[in-house]
Full PDB file with SEQRES, HELIX, SHEET, SSBOND, CRYST1, ORIGX, SCALE, CONECT and MASTER records, all heavy atoms in Angstrom:
SEQRES   1 A   42  GLU SER LEU LYS ARG PRO ALA LYS GLU HIS ALA GLN THR          
SEQRES   2 A   42  HIS MET VAL LYS LYS LEU SER PRO LEU MET ASP ILE PHE          
SEQRES   3 A   42  LEU ASN ASP ALA PHE ALA VAL SER HIS ARG SER GLN LEU          
SEQRES   4 A   42  SER ILE THR                                                  
HELIX    1 AA1 ALA A    7  HIS A   10  1                                   4    
HELIX    2 AA2 HIS A   14  LEU A   19  1                                   6    
HELIX    3 AA3 SER A   20  LEU A   22  5                                   3    
HELIX    4 AA4 PHE A   31  VAL A   33  5                                   3    
CRYST1    1.000    1.000    1.000  90.00  90.00  90.00 P 1           1          
ORIGX1      1.000000  0.000000  0.000000        0.00000                         
ORIGX2      0.000000  1.000000  0.000000        0.00000                         
ORIGX3      0.000000  0.000000  1.000000        0.00000                         
SCALE1      1.000000  0.000000  0.000000        0.00000                         
SCALE2      0.000000  1.000000  0.000000        0.00000                         
SCALE3      0.000000  0.000000  1.000000        0.00000                         
ATOM      1  N   GLU A   1      43.146  75.779 111.704  1.00  0.00           N  
ATOM      2  CA  GLU A   1      44.504  75.292 111.459  1.00  0.00           C  
ATOM      3  C   GLU A   1      44.498  73.842 110.982  1.00  0.00           C  
ATOM      4  O   GLU A   1      45.245  73.469 110.082  1.00  0.00           O  
ATOM      5  CB  GLU A   1      45.348  75.421 112.730  1.00  0.00           C  
ATOM      6  CG  GLU A   1      46.624  74.604 112.763  1.00  0.00           C  
ATOM      7  CD  GLU A   1      47.674  75.011 111.722  1.00  0.00           C  
ATOM      8  OE1 GLU A   1      47.570  76.117 111.164  1.00  0.00           O  
ATOM      9  OE2 GLU A   1      48.599  74.219 111.482  1.00  0.00           O  
ATOM     10  N   SER A   2      43.661  73.012 111.594  1.00  0.00           N  
ATOM     11  CA  SER A   2      43.717  71.572 111.329  1.00  0.00           C  
ATOM     12  C   SER A   2      42.835  71.109 110.168  1.00  0.00           C  
ATOM     13  O   SER A   2      42.803  69.922 109.863  1.00  0.00           O  
ATOM     14  CB  SER A   2      43.336  70.799 112.601  1.00  0.00           C  
ATOM     15  OG  SER A   2      44.257  71.103 113.625  1.00  0.00           O  
ATOM     16  N   LEU A   3      42.145  72.037 109.523  1.00  0.00           N  
ATOM     17  CA  LEU A   3      41.325  71.651 108.375  1.00  0.00           C  
ATOM     18  C   LEU A   3      42.211  71.335 107.183  1.00  0.00           C  
ATOM     19  O   LEU A   3      43.188  72.040 106.914  1.00  0.00           O  
ATOM     20  CB  LEU A   3      40.356  72.776 108.001  1.00  0.00           C  
ATOM     21  CG  LEU A   3      39.279  73.134 109.038  1.00  0.00           C  
ATOM     22  CD1 LEU A   3      38.428  74.289 108.521  1.00  0.00           C  
ATOM     23  CD2 LEU A   3      38.389  71.930 109.355  1.00  0.00           C  
ATOM     24  N   LYS A   4      41.875  70.271 106.485  1.00  0.00           N  
ATOM     25  CA  LYS A   4      42.638  69.891 105.291  1.00  0.00           C  
ATOM     26  C   LYS A   4      42.030  70.601 104.090  1.00  0.00           C  
ATOM     27  O   LYS A   4      40.927  70.289 103.649  1.00  0.00           O  
ATOM     28  CB  LYS A   4      42.578  68.362 105.115  1.00  0.00           C  
ATOM     29  CG  LYS A   4      43.477  67.856 104.006  1.00  0.00           C  
ATOM     30  CD  LYS A   4      43.384  66.339 103.885  1.00  0.00           C  
ATOM     31  CE  LYS A   4      44.209  65.843 102.700  1.00  0.00           C  
ATOM     32  NZ  LYS A   4      44.090  64.394 102.515  1.00  0.00           N  
ATOM     33  N   ARG A   5      42.769  71.582 103.574  1.00  0.00           N  
ATOM     34  CA  ARG A   5      42.292  72.385 102.453  1.00  0.00           C  
ATOM     35  C   ARG A   5      43.423  72.687 101.491  1.00  0.00           C  
ATOM     36  O   ARG A   5      44.587  72.647 101.872  1.00  0.00           O  
ATOM     37  CB  ARG A   5      41.778  73.745 102.964  1.00  0.00           C  
ATOM     38  CG  ARG A   5      40.488  73.742 103.737  1.00  0.00           C  
ATOM     39  CD  ARG A   5      40.305  75.131 104.307  1.00  0.00           C  
ATOM     40  NE  ARG A   5      39.002  75.367 104.880  1.00  0.00           N  
ATOM     41  CZ  ARG A   5      38.706  76.410 105.645  1.00  0.00           C  
ATOM     42  NH1 ARG A   5      39.650  77.290 105.930  1.00  0.00           N  
ATOM     43  NH2 ARG A   5      37.498  76.574 106.131  1.00  0.00           N  
ATOM     44  N   PRO A   6      43.122  73.055 100.261  1.00  0.00           N  
ATOM     45  CA  PRO A   6      44.168  73.518  99.344  1.00  0.00           C  
ATOM     46  C   PRO A   6      44.782  74.821  99.873  1.00  0.00           C  
ATOM     47  O   PRO A   6      44.121  75.583 100.604  1.00  0.00           O  
ATOM     48  CB  PRO A   6      43.419  73.768  98.027  1.00  0.00           C  
ATOM     49  CG  PRO A   6      42.129  73.028  98.159  1.00  0.00           C  
ATOM     50  CD  PRO A   6      41.808  73.000  99.610  1.00  0.00           C  
ATOM     51  N   ALA A   7      46.017  75.094  99.486  1.00  0.00           N  
ATOM     52  CA  ALA A   7      46.731  76.288  99.955  1.00  0.00           C  
ATOM     53  C   ALA A   7      45.955  77.567  99.653  1.00  0.00           C  
ATOM     54  O   ALA A   7      45.899  78.487 100.485  1.00  0.00           O  
ATOM     55  CB  ALA A   7      48.114  76.341  99.316  1.00  0.00           C  
ATOM     56  N   LYS A   8      45.331  77.644  98.480  1.00  0.00           N  
ATOM     57  CA  LYS A   8      44.590  78.859  98.098  1.00  0.00           C  
ATOM     58  C   LYS A   8      43.438  79.146  99.063  1.00  0.00           C  
ATOM     59  O   LYS A   8      43.150  80.310  99.363  1.00  0.00           O  
ATOM     60  CB  LYS A   8      44.057  78.729  96.671  1.00  0.00           C  
ATOM     61  CG  LYS A   8      45.128  78.899  95.597  1.00  0.00           C  
ATOM     62  CD  LYS A   8      44.528  78.909  94.214  1.00  0.00           C  
ATOM     63  CE  LYS A   8      45.594  78.945  93.125  1.00  0.00           C  
ATOM     64  NZ  LYS A   8      46.451  80.135  93.197  1.00  0.00           N  
ATOM     65  N   GLU A   9      42.789  78.096  99.570  1.00  0.00           N  
ATOM     66  CA  GLU A   9      41.694  78.292 100.536  1.00  0.00           C  
ATOM     67  C   GLU A   9      42.249  78.712 101.889  1.00  0.00           C  
ATOM     68  O   GLU A   9      41.690  79.567 102.563  1.00  0.00           O  
ATOM     69  CB  GLU A   9      40.864  77.013 100.659  1.00  0.00           C  
ATOM     70  CG  GLU A   9      39.987  76.748  99.448  1.00  0.00           C  
ATOM     71  CD  GLU A   9      39.097  75.530  99.628  1.00  0.00           C  
ATOM     72  OE1 GLU A   9      38.670  75.248 100.776  1.00  0.00           O  
ATOM     73  OE2 GLU A   9      38.847  74.836  98.620  1.00  0.00           O  
ATOM     74  N   HIS A  10      43.374  78.089 102.294  1.00  0.00           N  
ATOM     75  CA  HIS A  10      43.998  78.498 103.551  1.00  0.00           C  
ATOM     76  C   HIS A  10      44.417  79.961 103.504  1.00  0.00           C  
ATOM     77  O   HIS A  10      44.380  80.663 104.519  1.00  0.00           O  
ATOM     78  CB  HIS A  10      45.229  77.631 103.826  1.00  0.00           C  
ATOM     79  CG  HIS A  10      44.921  76.275 104.388  1.00  0.00           C  
ATOM     80  ND1 HIS A  10      44.007  76.070 105.405  1.00  0.00           N  
ATOM     81  CD2 HIS A  10      45.427  75.053 104.083  1.00  0.00           C  
ATOM     82  CE1 HIS A  10      43.966  74.780 105.694  1.00  0.00           C  
ATOM     83  NE2 HIS A  10      44.802  74.144 104.911  1.00  0.00           N  
ATOM     84  N   ALA A  11      44.813  80.429 102.336  1.00  0.00           N  
ATOM     85  CA  ALA A  11      45.271  81.822 102.196  1.00  0.00           C  
ATOM     86  C   ALA A  11      44.158  82.835 102.439  1.00  0.00           C  
ATOM     87  O   ALA A  11      44.434  84.013 102.687  1.00  0.00           O  
ATOM     88  CB  ALA A  11      45.875  82.026 100.810  1.00  0.00           C  
ATOM     89  N   GLN A  12      42.909  82.358 102.385  1.00  0.00           N  
ATOM     90  CA  GLN A  12      41.771  83.255 102.608  1.00  0.00           C  
ATOM     91  C   GLN A  12      41.333  83.323 104.068  1.00  0.00           C  
ATOM     92  O   GLN A  12      40.375  84.026 104.399  1.00  0.00           O  
ATOM     93  CB  GLN A  12      40.579  82.793 101.743  1.00  0.00           C  
ATOM     94  CG  GLN A  12      40.849  82.816 100.246  1.00  0.00           C  
ATOM     95  CD  GLN A  12      41.293  84.180  99.757  1.00  0.00           C  
ATOM     96  OE1 GLN A  12      40.668  85.193 100.077  1.00  0.00           O  
ATOM     97  NE2 GLN A  12      42.385  84.221  99.006  1.00  0.00           N  
ATOM     98  N   THR A  13      42.011  82.619 104.958  1.00  0.00           N  
ATOM     99  CA  THR A  13      41.606  82.580 106.368  1.00  0.00           C  
ATOM    100  C   THR A  13      42.037  83.846 107.108  1.00  0.00           C  
ATOM    101  O   THR A  13      42.906  84.587 106.658  1.00  0.00           O  
ATOM    102  CB  THR A  13      42.226  81.363 107.078  1.00  0.00           C  
ATOM    103  OG1 THR A  13      43.652  81.432 106.948  1.00  0.00           O  
ATOM    104  CG2 THR A  13      41.721  80.058 106.484  1.00  0.00           C  
ATOM    105  N   HIS A  14      41.414  84.047 108.266  1.00  0.00           N  
ATOM    106  CA  HIS A  14      41.730  85.221 109.103  1.00  0.00           C  
ATOM    107  C   HIS A  14      43.197  85.225 109.511  1.00  0.00           C  
ATOM    108  O   HIS A  14      43.839  86.271 109.539  1.00  0.00           O  
ATOM    109  CB  HIS A  14      40.845  85.238 110.353  1.00  0.00           C  
ATOM    110  CG  HIS A  14      39.395  85.492 110.071  1.00  0.00           C  
ATOM    111  ND1 HIS A  14      38.948  86.667 109.512  1.00  0.00           N  
ATOM    112  CD2 HIS A  14      38.300  84.713 110.251  1.00  0.00           C  
ATOM    113  CE1 HIS A  14      37.627  86.614 109.367  1.00  0.00           C  
ATOM    114  NE2 HIS A  14      37.214  85.438 109.801  1.00  0.00           N  
ATOM    115  N   MET A  15      43.739  84.039 109.833  1.00  0.00           N  
ATOM    116  CA  MET A  15      45.129  83.987 110.293  1.00  0.00           C  
ATOM    117  C   MET A  15      46.066  84.557 109.236  1.00  0.00           C  
ATOM    118  O   MET A  15      46.933  85.386 109.527  1.00  0.00           O  
ATOM    119  CB  MET A  15      45.555  82.553 110.635  1.00  0.00           C  
ATOM    120  CG  MET A  15      46.934  82.493 111.290  1.00  0.00           C  
ATOM    121  SD  MET A  15      47.683  80.842 111.344  1.00  0.00           S  
ATOM    122  CE  MET A  15      46.615  79.961 112.445  1.00  0.00           C  
ATOM    123  N   VAL A  16      45.913  84.108 107.992  1.00  0.00           N  
ATOM    124  CA  VAL A  16      46.788  84.573 106.910  1.00  0.00           C  
ATOM    125  C   VAL A  16      46.532  86.047 106.605  1.00  0.00           C  
ATOM    126  O   VAL A  16      47.474  86.840 106.447  1.00  0.00           O  
ATOM    127  CB  VAL A  16      46.603  83.709 105.645  1.00  0.00           C  
ATOM    128  CG1 VAL A  16      47.400  84.275 104.475  1.00  0.00           C  
ATOM    129  CG2 VAL A  16      47.041  82.271 105.925  1.00  0.00           C  
ATOM    130  N   LYS A  17      45.270  86.459 106.546  1.00  0.00           N  
ATOM    131  CA  LYS A  17      44.942  87.849 106.216  1.00  0.00           C  
ATOM    132  C   LYS A  17      45.425  88.830 107.274  1.00  0.00           C  
ATOM    133  O   LYS A  17      45.813  89.960 106.951  1.00  0.00           O  
ATOM    134  CB  LYS A  17      43.433  87.986 106.010  1.00  0.00           C  
ATOM    135  CG  LYS A  17      42.947  87.387 104.688  1.00  0.00           C  
ATOM    136  CD  LYS A  17      41.473  87.612 104.500  1.00  0.00           C  
ATOM    137  CE  LYS A  17      41.020  87.117 103.119  1.00  0.00           C  
ATOM    138  NZ  LYS A  17      39.571  87.307 102.925  1.00  0.00           N  
ATOM    139  N   LYS A  18      45.424  88.399 108.532  1.00  0.00           N  
ATOM    140  CA  LYS A  18      45.845  89.301 109.627  1.00  0.00           C  
ATOM    141  C   LYS A  18      47.363  89.352 109.781  1.00  0.00           C  
ATOM    142  O   LYS A  18      47.932  90.400 110.093  1.00  0.00           O  
ATOM    143  CB  LYS A  18      45.215  88.847 110.951  1.00  0.00           C  
ATOM    144  CG  LYS A  18      43.702  88.951 111.010  1.00  0.00           C  
ATOM    145  CD  LYS A  18      43.255  90.372 111.229  1.00  0.00           C  
ATOM    146  CE  LYS A  18      41.747  90.458 111.508  1.00  0.00           C  
ATOM    147  NZ  LYS A  18      41.302  91.846 111.675  1.00  0.00           N  
ATOM    148  N   LEU A  19      48.030  88.219 109.602  1.00  0.00           N  
ATOM    149  CA  LEU A  19      49.477  88.168 109.851  1.00  0.00           C  
ATOM    150  C   LEU A  19      50.326  88.532 108.642  1.00  0.00           C  
ATOM    151  O   LEU A  19      51.376  89.171 108.778  1.00  0.00           O  
ATOM    152  CB  LEU A  19      49.888  86.772 110.352  1.00  0.00           C  
ATOM    153  CG  LEU A  19      49.489  86.383 111.775  1.00  0.00           C  
ATOM    154  CD1 LEU A  19      49.999  84.981 112.099  1.00  0.00           C  
ATOM    155  CD2 LEU A  19      50.020  87.379 112.799  1.00  0.00           C  
ATOM    156  N   SER A  20      49.909  88.118 107.442  1.00  0.00           N  
ATOM    157  CA  SER A  20      50.781  88.287 106.270  1.00  0.00           C  
ATOM    158  C   SER A  20      51.165  89.743 105.953  1.00  0.00           C  
ATOM    159  O   SER A  20      52.299  89.977 105.523  1.00  0.00           O  
ATOM    160  CB  SER A  20      50.181  87.604 105.034  1.00  0.00           C  
ATOM    161  OG  SER A  20      48.900  88.100 104.755  1.00  0.00           O  
ATOM    162  N   PRO A  21      50.274  90.740 106.193  1.00  0.00           N  
ATOM    163  CA  PRO A  21      50.706  92.118 105.904  1.00  0.00           C  
ATOM    164  C   PRO A  21      51.876  92.586 106.772  1.00  0.00           C  
ATOM    165  O   PRO A  21      52.565  93.553 106.411  1.00  0.00           O  
ATOM    166  CB  PRO A  21      49.448  92.956 106.196  1.00  0.00           C  
ATOM    167  CG  PRO A  21      48.306  92.002 106.075  1.00  0.00           C  
ATOM    168  CD  PRO A  21      48.841  90.696 106.575  1.00  0.00           C  
ATOM    169  N   LEU A  22      52.102  91.898 107.895  1.00  0.00           N  
ATOM    170  CA  LEU A  22      53.189  92.280 108.809  1.00  0.00           C  
ATOM    171  C   LEU A  22      54.493  91.574 108.476  1.00  0.00           C  
ATOM    172  O   LEU A  22      55.522  91.832 109.092  1.00  0.00           O  
ATOM    173  CB  LEU A  22      52.787  91.947 110.257  1.00  0.00           C  
ATOM    174  CG  LEU A  22      51.519  92.620 110.783  1.00  0.00           C  
ATOM    175  CD1 LEU A  22      51.063  91.951 112.074  1.00  0.00           C  
ATOM    176  CD2 LEU A  22      51.770  94.103 111.013  1.00  0.00           C  
ATOM    177  N   MET A  23      54.457  90.635 107.523  1.00  0.00           N  
ATOM    178  CA  MET A  23      55.613  89.781 107.223  1.00  0.00           C  
ATOM    179  C   MET A  23      56.239  90.105 105.869  1.00  0.00           C  
ATOM    180  O   MET A  23      55.557  90.542 104.946  1.00  0.00           O  
ATOM    181  CB  MET A  23      55.188  88.301 107.226  1.00  0.00           C  
ATOM    182  CG  MET A  23      54.450  87.846 108.472  1.00  0.00           C  
ATOM    183  SD  MET A  23      55.444  88.011 109.966  1.00  0.00           S  
ATOM    184  CE  MET A  23      54.167  87.752 111.221  1.00  0.00           C  
ATOM    185  N   ASP A  24      57.546  89.848 105.772  1.00  0.00           N  
ATOM    186  CA  ASP A  24      58.259  89.994 104.501  1.00  0.00           C  
ATOM    187  C   ASP A  24      58.506  88.642 103.834  1.00  0.00           C  
ATOM    188  O   ASP A  24      58.519  88.540 102.603  1.00  0.00           O  
ATOM    189  CB  ASP A  24      59.610  90.677 104.738  1.00  0.00           C  
ATOM    190  CG  ASP A  24      59.449  92.085 105.285  1.00  0.00           C  
ATOM    191  OD1 ASP A  24      58.776  92.893 104.618  1.00  0.00           O  
ATOM    192  OD2 ASP A  24      59.967  92.372 106.384  1.00  0.00           O  
ATOM    193  N   ILE A  25      58.737  87.600 104.653  1.00  0.00           N  
ATOM    194  CA  ILE A  25      59.141  86.280 104.147  1.00  0.00           C  
ATOM    195  C   ILE A  25      58.498  85.201 105.008  1.00  0.00           C  
ATOM    196  O   ILE A  25      58.327  85.383 106.222  1.00  0.00           O  
ATOM    197  CB  ILE A  25      60.686  86.120 104.208  1.00  0.00           C  
ATOM    198  CG1 ILE A  25      61.388  87.170 103.336  1.00  0.00           C  
ATOM    199  CG2 ILE A  25      61.130  84.705 103.810  1.00  0.00           C  
ATOM    200  CD1 ILE A  25      62.853  87.368 103.689  1.00  0.00           C  
ATOM    201  N   PHE A  26      58.157  84.069 104.388  1.00  0.00           N  
ATOM    202  CA  PHE A  26      57.700  82.894 105.138  1.00  0.00           C  
ATOM    203  C   PHE A  26      58.664  81.744 104.901  1.00  0.00           C  
ATOM    204  O   PHE A  26      59.044  81.463 103.758  1.00  0.00           O  
ATOM    205  CB  PHE A  26      56.292  82.468 104.696  1.00  0.00           C  
ATOM    206  CG  PHE A  26      55.852  81.147 105.271  1.00  0.00           C  
ATOM    207  CD1 PHE A  26      55.493  81.037 106.609  1.00  0.00           C  
ATOM    208  CD2 PHE A  26      55.827  79.995 104.486  1.00  0.00           C  
ATOM    209  CE1 PHE A  26      55.112  79.817 107.156  1.00  0.00           C  
ATOM    210  CE2 PHE A  26      55.445  78.764 105.020  1.00  0.00           C  
ATOM    211  CZ  PHE A  26      55.080  78.686 106.365  1.00  0.00           C  
ATOM    212  N   LEU A  27      59.080  81.088 105.972  1.00  0.00           N  
ATOM    213  CA  LEU A  27      59.933  79.901 105.871  1.00  0.00           C  
ATOM    214  C   LEU A  27      59.245  78.720 106.537  1.00  0.00           C  
ATOM    215  O   LEU A  27      58.758  78.834 107.674  1.00  0.00           O  
ATOM    216  CB  LEU A  27      61.283  80.136 106.561  1.00  0.00           C  
ATOM    217  CG  LEU A  27      62.195  81.213 105.967  1.00  0.00           C  
ATOM    218  CD1 LEU A  27      63.429  81.385 106.844  1.00  0.00           C  
ATOM    219  CD2 LEU A  27      62.601  80.872 104.536  1.00  0.00           C  
ATOM    220  N   ASN A  28      59.193  77.593 105.850  1.00  0.00           N  
ATOM    221  CA  ASN A  28      58.679  76.357 106.448  1.00  0.00           C  
ATOM    222  C   ASN A  28      59.870  75.548 106.941  1.00  0.00           C  
ATOM    223  O   ASN A  28      60.683  75.086 106.139  1.00  0.00           O  
ATOM    224  CB  ASN A  28      57.874  75.563 105.419  1.00  0.00           C  
ATOM    225  CG  ASN A  28      57.266  74.294 106.013  1.00  0.00           C  
ATOM    226  OD1 ASN A  28      57.534  73.934 107.156  1.00  0.00           O  
ATOM    227  ND2 ASN A  28      56.446  73.612 105.230  1.00  0.00           N  
ATOM    228  N   ASP A  29      59.969  75.391 108.245  1.00  0.00           N  
ATOM    229  CA  ASP A  29      61.042  74.579 108.830  1.00  0.00           C  
ATOM    230  C   ASP A  29      60.468  73.375 109.570  1.00  0.00           C  
ATOM    231  O   ASP A  29      61.149  72.738 110.368  1.00  0.00           O  
ATOM    232  CB  ASP A  29      61.886  75.437 109.788  1.00  0.00           C  
ATOM    233  CG  ASP A  29      63.343  74.976 109.851  1.00  0.00           C  
ATOM    234  OD1 ASP A  29      63.825  74.403 108.858  1.00  0.00           O  
ATOM    235  OD2 ASP A  29      63.997  75.211 110.884  1.00  0.00           O  
ATOM    236  N   ALA A  30      59.184  73.087 109.293  1.00  0.00           N  
ATOM    237  CA  ALA A  30      58.470  72.026 110.012  1.00  0.00           C  
ATOM    238  C   ALA A  30      58.259  70.816 109.110  1.00  0.00           C  
ATOM    239  O   ALA A  30      57.135  70.511 108.700  1.00  0.00           O  
ATOM    240  CB  ALA A  30      57.129  72.555 110.532  1.00  0.00           C  
ATOM    241  N   PHE A  31      59.338  70.106 108.808  1.00  0.00           N  
ATOM    242  CA  PHE A  31      59.249  68.936 107.932  1.00  0.00           C  
ATOM    243  C   PHE A  31      58.244  67.917 108.455  1.00  0.00           C  
ATOM    244  O   PHE A  31      57.466  67.350 107.691  1.00  0.00           O  
ATOM    245  CB  PHE A  31      60.624  68.283 107.789  1.00  0.00           C  
ATOM    246  CG  PHE A  31      60.607  66.987 107.027  1.00  0.00           C  
ATOM    247  CD1 PHE A  31      60.488  66.980 105.640  1.00  0.00           C  
ATOM    248  CD2 PHE A  31      60.695  65.765 107.683  1.00  0.00           C  
ATOM    249  CE1 PHE A  31      60.452  65.784 104.927  1.00  0.00           C  
ATOM    250  CE2 PHE A  31      60.662  64.567 106.980  1.00  0.00           C  
ATOM    251  CZ  PHE A  31      60.534  64.582 105.595  1.00  0.00           C  
ATOM    252  N   ALA A  32      58.260  67.672 109.766  1.00  0.00           N  
ATOM    253  CA  ALA A  32      57.464  66.585 110.356  1.00  0.00           C  
ATOM    254  C   ALA A  32      55.963  66.740 110.179  1.00  0.00           C  
ATOM    255  O   ALA A  32      55.220  65.767 110.313  1.00  0.00           O  
ATOM    256  CB  ALA A  32      57.795  66.439 111.845  1.00  0.00           C  
ATOM    257  N   VAL A  33      55.491  67.956 109.882  1.00  0.00           N  
ATOM    258  CA  VAL A  33      54.046  68.131 109.639  1.00  0.00           C  
ATOM    259  C   VAL A  33      53.752  68.552 108.202  1.00  0.00           C  
ATOM    260  O   VAL A  33      52.623  68.885 107.867  1.00  0.00           O  
ATOM    261  CB  VAL A  33      53.398  69.142 110.625  1.00  0.00           C  
ATOM    262  CG1 VAL A  33      53.012  68.470 111.911  1.00  0.00           C  
ATOM    263  CG2 VAL A  33      54.277  70.342 110.895  1.00  0.00           C  
ATOM    264  N   SER A  34      54.753  68.501 107.345  1.00  0.00           N  
ATOM    265  CA  SER A  34      54.564  68.966 105.973  1.00  0.00           C  
ATOM    266  C   SER A  34      53.883  67.948 105.068  1.00  0.00           C  
ATOM    267  O   SER A  34      53.652  68.214 103.892  1.00  0.00           O  
ATOM    268  CB  SER A  34      55.903  69.413 105.380  1.00  0.00           C  
ATOM    269  OG  SER A  34      56.277  70.640 105.980  1.00  0.00           O  
ATOM    270  N   HIS A  35      53.546  66.775 105.635  1.00  0.00           N  
ATOM    271  CA  HIS A  35      52.733  65.831 104.857  1.00  0.00           C  
ATOM    272  C   HIS A  35      51.245  66.133 105.055  1.00  0.00           C  
ATOM    273  O   HIS A  35      50.392  65.456 104.497  1.00  0.00           O  
ATOM    274  CB  HIS A  35      53.039  64.384 105.255  1.00  0.00           C  
ATOM    275  CG  HIS A  35      52.832  64.057 106.707  1.00  0.00           C  
ATOM    276  ND1 HIS A  35      53.236  64.880 107.740  1.00  0.00           N  
ATOM    277  CD2 HIS A  35      52.251  62.986 107.311  1.00  0.00           C  
ATOM    278  CE1 HIS A  35      52.923  64.330 108.893  1.00  0.00           C  
ATOM    279  NE2 HIS A  35      52.311  63.183 108.651  1.00  0.00           N  
ATOM    280  N   ARG A  36      50.954  67.192 105.828  1.00  0.00           N  
ATOM    281  CA  ARG A  36      49.566  67.612 106.050  1.00  0.00           C  
ATOM    282  C   ARG A  36      49.339  68.974 105.392  1.00  0.00           C  
ATOM    283  O   ARG A  36      50.158  69.878 105.532  1.00  0.00           O  
ATOM    284  CB  ARG A  36      49.267  67.714 107.547  1.00  0.00           C  
ATOM    285  CG  ARG A  36      49.577  66.446 108.322  1.00  0.00           C  
ATOM    286  CD  ARG A  36      49.145  66.579 109.777  1.00  0.00           C  
ATOM    287  NE  ARG A  36      49.656  65.502 110.592  1.00  0.00           N  
ATOM    288  CZ  ARG A  36      49.177  64.263 110.613  1.00  0.00           C  
ATOM    289  NH1 ARG A  36      48.153  63.958 109.840  1.00  0.00           N  
ATOM    290  NH2 ARG A  36      49.709  63.340 111.387  1.00  0.00           N  
ATOM    291  N   SER A  37      48.216  69.118 104.704  1.00  0.00           N  
ATOM    292  CA  SER A  37      47.902  70.402 104.075  1.00  0.00           C  
ATOM    293  C   SER A  37      47.154  71.268 105.077  1.00  0.00           C  
ATOM    294  O   SER A  37      45.939  71.437 105.004  1.00  0.00           O  
ATOM    295  CB  SER A  37      47.054  70.186 102.818  1.00  0.00           C  
ATOM    296  OG  SER A  37      46.779  71.424 102.208  1.00  0.00           O  
ATOM    297  N   GLN A  38      47.897  71.783 106.063  1.00  0.00           N  
ATOM    298  CA  GLN A  38      47.278  72.582 107.122  1.00  0.00           C  
ATOM    299  C   GLN A  38      47.617  74.062 106.948  1.00  0.00           C  
ATOM    300  O   GLN A  38      48.592  74.424 106.277  1.00  0.00           O  
ATOM    301  CB  GLN A  38      47.718  72.058 108.489  1.00  0.00           C  
ATOM    302  CG  GLN A  38      47.171  70.655 108.734  1.00  0.00           C  
ATOM    303  CD  GLN A  38      47.474  70.098 110.119  1.00  0.00           C  
ATOM    304  OE1 GLN A  38      48.406  70.533 110.787  1.00  0.00           O  
ATOM    305  NE2 GLN A  38      46.697  69.125 110.538  1.00  0.00           N  
ATOM    306  N   LEU A  39      46.816  74.903 107.582  1.00  0.00           N  
ATOM    307  CA  LEU A  39      46.851  76.343 107.362  1.00  0.00           C  
ATOM    308  C   LEU A  39      48.248  76.949 107.500  1.00  0.00           C  
ATOM    309  O   LEU A  39      48.754  77.609 106.586  1.00  0.00           O  
ATOM    310  CB  LEU A  39      45.885  77.007 108.363  1.00  0.00           C  
ATOM    311  CG  LEU A  39      45.385  78.422 108.092  1.00  0.00           C  
ATOM    312  CD1 LEU A  39      44.260  78.760 109.042  1.00  0.00           C  
ATOM    313  CD2 LEU A  39      46.461  79.473 108.192  1.00  0.00           C  
ATOM    314  N   SER A  40      48.889  76.735 108.647  1.00  0.00           N  
ATOM    315  CA  SER A  40      50.178  77.391 108.895  1.00  0.00           C  
ATOM    316  C   SER A  40      51.313  76.773 108.084  1.00  0.00           C  
ATOM    317  O   SER A  40      52.415  77.314 108.032  1.00  0.00           O  
ATOM    318  CB  SER A  40      50.518  77.338 110.393  1.00  0.00           C  
ATOM    319  OG  SER A  40      50.684  75.999 110.821  1.00  0.00           O  
ATOM    320  N   ILE A  41      51.059  75.638 107.440  1.00  0.00           N  
ATOM    321  CA  ILE A  41      52.065  74.974 106.608  1.00  0.00           C  
ATOM    322  C   ILE A  41      52.003  75.482 105.165  1.00  0.00           C  
ATOM    323  O   ILE A  41      53.026  75.718 104.529  1.00  0.00           O  
ATOM    324  CB  ILE A  41      51.856  73.439 106.634  1.00  0.00           C  
ATOM    325  CG1 ILE A  41      52.097  72.887 108.057  1.00  0.00           C  
ATOM    326  CG2 ILE A  41      52.744  72.738 105.625  1.00  0.00           C  
ATOM    327  CD1 ILE A  41      53.536  72.970 108.528  1.00  0.00           C  
ATOM    328  N   THR A  42      50.791  75.661 104.634  1.00  0.00           N  
ATOM    329  CA  THR A  42      50.656  76.010 103.209  1.00  0.00           C  
ATOM    330  C   THR A  42      50.038  77.383 102.938  1.00  0.00           C  
ATOM    331  O   THR A  42      50.268  77.952 101.863  1.00  0.00           O  
ATOM    332  CB  THR A  42      49.814  74.950 102.467  1.00  0.00           C  
ATOM    333  OG1 THR A  42      48.473  74.963 102.989  1.00  0.00           O  
ATOM    334  CG2 THR A  42      50.405  73.552 102.638  1.00  0.00           C  
TER     335      THR A  42                                                      
MASTER        0    0    0    4    0    0    0    6  334    1    0    4          
END                                                                             
């Protein structure tokens, strides 16, 4: 989660691969951490 990576690399992680098939939409409501390129943000 805390690794600084481009969004495309984060998209290849286990978290995204396991959760995204169960989801229809993603919303970012976490402004305070959006200056960080972290997994659950991008």
